[in-house]
C-alpha atoms as a PDB file:
ATOM      1  CA  UNK A   1     -35.870 -23.118  81.545  1.00  0.00           C
ATOM      2  CA  UNK A   2     -35.942 -22.543  77.794  1.00  0.00           C
ATOM      3  CA  UNK A   3     -34.865 -26.116  77.037  1.00  0.00           C
ATOM      4  CA  UNK A   4     -37.563 -27.418  79.363  1.00  0.00           C
ATOM      5  CA  UNK A   5     -40.119 -25.343  77.486  1.00  0.00           C
ATOM      6  CA  UNK A   6     -38.918 -26.651  74.138  1.00  0.00           C
ATOM      7  CA  UNK A   7     -39.311 -30.245  75.367  1.00  0.00           C
ATOM      8  CA  UNK A   8     -42.780 -29.528  76.717  1.00  0.00           C
ATOM      9  CA  UNK A   9     -43.892 -27.886  73.480  1.00  0.00           C
ATOM     10  CA  UNK A  10     -42.603 -30.851  71.463  1.00  0.00           C
ATOM     11  CA  UNK A  11     -44.706 -33.116  73.712  1.00  0.00           C
ATOM     12  CA  UNK A  12     -47.798 -30.999  73.095  1.00  0.00           C
ATOM     13  CA  UNK A  13     -47.799 -29.383  76.546  1.00  0.00           C
ATOM     14  CA  UNK A  14     -48.264 -25.791  75.418  1.00  0.00           C
ATOM     15  CA  UNK A  15     -49.286 -24.548  78.866  1.00  0.00           C
ATOM     16  CA  UNK A  16     -46.186 -26.102  80.458  1.00  0.00           C
ATOM     17  CA  UNK A  17     -43.986 -24.648  77.726  1.00  0.00           C
ATOM     18  CA  UNK A  18     -45.421 -21.164  78.201  1.00  0.00           C
ATOM     19  CA  UNK A  19     -44.879 -21.431  81.950  1.00  0.00           C
ATOM     20  CA  UNK A  20     -41.235 -22.431  81.461  1.00  0.00           C
ATOM     21  CA  UNK A  21     -40.621 -19.561  79.044  1.00  0.00           C
ATOM     22  CA  UNK A  22     -42.301 -17.066  81.366  1.00  0.00           C
ATOM     23  CA  UNK A  23     -40.080 -18.232  84.244  1.00  0.00           C
ATOM     24  CA  UNK A  24     -37.012 -17.790  82.026  1.00  0.00           C
ATOM     25  CA  UNK A  25     -38.169 -14.254  81.183  1.00  0.00           C
ATOM     26  CA  UNK A  26     -38.690 -13.453  84.876  1.00  0.00           C
ATOM     27  CA  UNK A  27     -35.122 -14.599  85.562  1.00  0.00           C
ATOM     28  CA  UNK A  28     -33.702 -12.602  82.639  1.00  0.00           C
ATOM     29  CA  UNK A  29     -35.999 -10.206  80.817  1.00  0.00           C
ATOM     30  CA  UNK A  30     -33.380  -9.764  78.077  1.00  0.00           C
ATOM     31  CA  UNK A  31     -33.408 -13.450  77.122  1.00  0.00           C
ATOM     32  CA  UNK A  32     -34.526 -13.045  73.527  1.00  0.00           C
ATOM     33  CA  UNK A  33     -34.781 -16.815  73.029  1.00  0.00           C
ATOM     34  CA  UNK A  34     -37.336 -17.123  75.843  1.00  0.00           C
ATOM     35  CA  UNK A  35     -39.405 -14.342  74.255  1.00  0.00           C
ATOM     36  CA  UNK A  36     -39.084 -16.010  70.855  1.00  0.00           C
ATOM     37  CA  UNK A  37     -40.104 -19.416  72.163  1.00  0.00           C
ATOM     38  CA  UNK A  38     -43.002 -17.911  74.127  1.00  0.00           C
ATOM     39  CA  UNK A  39     -44.192 -16.333  70.883  1.00  0.00           C
ATOM     40  CA  UNK A  40     -43.881 -19.700  69.182  1.00  0.00           C
ATOM     41  CA  UNK A  41     -46.005 -21.357  71.891  1.00  0.00           C
ATOM     42  CA  UNK A  42     -48.623 -18.620  71.708  1.00  0.00           C
ATOM     43  CA  UNK A  43     -48.718 -18.989  67.949  1.00  0.00           C
ATOM     44  CA  UNK A  44     -49.310 -22.728  68.373  1.00  0.00           C
ATOM     45  CA  UNK A  45     -52.450 -21.751  70.309  1.00  0.00           C
ATOM     46  CA  UNK A  46     -53.457 -19.359  67.507  1.00  0.00           C
ATOM     47  CA  UNK A  47     -53.030 -16.415  69.878  1.00  0.00           C
ATOM     48  CA  UNK A  48     -51.439 -14.291  67.174  1.00  0.00           C
ATOM     49  CA  UNK A  49     -51.765 -10.950  68.964  1.00  0.00           C
ATOM     50  CA  UNK A  50     -49.863 -12.070  72.062  1.00  0.00           C
ATOM     51  CA  UNK A  51     -47.431 -14.066  69.921  1.00  0.00           C
ATOM     52  CA  UNK A  52     -46.555 -10.946  67.950  1.00  0.00           C
ATOM     53  CA  UNK A  53     -46.010  -8.970  71.157  1.00  0.00           C
ATOM     54  CA  UNK A  54     -43.562 -11.586  72.415  1.00  0.00           C
ATOM     55  CA  UNK A  55     -41.854 -11.927  69.039  1.00  0.00           C
ATOM     56  CA  UNK A  56     -41.534  -8.158  68.759  1.00  0.00           C
ATOM     57  CA  UNK A  57     -39.769  -8.118  72.127  1.00  0.00           C
ATOM     58  CA  UNK A  58     -37.448 -10.887  70.923  1.00  0.00           C
ATOM     59  CA  UNK A  59     -36.692  -8.902  67.782  1.00  0.00           C
ATOM     60  CA  UNK A  60     -35.962  -5.740  69.760  1.00  0.00           C
ATOM     61  CA  UNK A  61     -33.413  -7.733  71.783  1.00  0.00           C
ATOM     62  CA  UNK A  62     -31.823  -9.354  68.728  1.00  0.00           C
ATOM     63  CA  UNK A  63     -32.556  -7.175  65.704  1.00  0.00           C
ATOM     64  CA  UNK A  64     -30.964  -9.297  63.006  1.00  0.00           C
ATOM     65  CA  UNK A  65     -32.441 -12.671  63.952  1.00  0.00           C
ATOM     66  CA  UNK A  66     -33.968 -14.233  60.846  1.00  0.00           C
ATOM     67  CA  UNK A  67     -35.797 -16.914  62.843  1.00  0.00           C
ATOM     68  CA  UNK A  68     -37.705 -14.296  64.803  1.00  0.00           C
ATOM     69  CA  UNK A  69     -38.585 -12.444  61.613  1.00  0.00           C
ATOM     70  CA  UNK A  70     -39.781 -15.660  59.964  1.00  0.00           C
ATOM     71  CA  UNK A  71     -41.965 -16.524  62.964  1.00  0.00           C
ATOM     72  CA  UNK A  72     -43.411 -13.012  62.880  1.00  0.00           C
ATOM     73  CA  UNK A  73     -44.223 -13.489  59.198  1.00  0.00           C
ATOM     74  CA  UNK A  74     -45.969 -16.745  60.087  1.00  0.00           C
ATOM     75  CA  UNK A  75     -48.042 -14.923  62.723  1.00  0.00           C
ATOM     76  CA  UNK A  76     -48.994 -12.154  60.294  1.00  0.00           C
ATOM     77  CA  UNK A  77     -49.982 -14.771  57.711  1.00  0.00           C
ATOM     78  CA  UNK A  78     -52.237 -16.467  60.280  1.00  0.00           C
ATOM     79  CA  UNK A  79     -53.914 -13.110  60.781  1.00  0.00           C
ATOM     80  CA  UNK A  80     -54.406 -12.780  57.040  1.00  0.00           C
ATOM     81  CA  UNK A  81     -51.790 -10.031  56.775  1.00  0.00           C
ATOM     82  CA  UNK A  82     -49.473 -10.996  53.972  1.00  0.00           C
END
């Protein structure tokens, strides 16, 4: 599911990517990568609030993941919070 979402996002199909990530989360709510990628897709839509919620979940599942932290920083920067 996550790989399908990545492919869809690369093709510009944000809605399809989000759907794939949400299915992956329904199958395994502890899949930090699905939460991370969902946050990435939401951020691509400039939905920073929901992106941060998803990224925060990803970070809680994998506390030392630098990629998640970097994506969160990107979201905060989009909000004007540096």
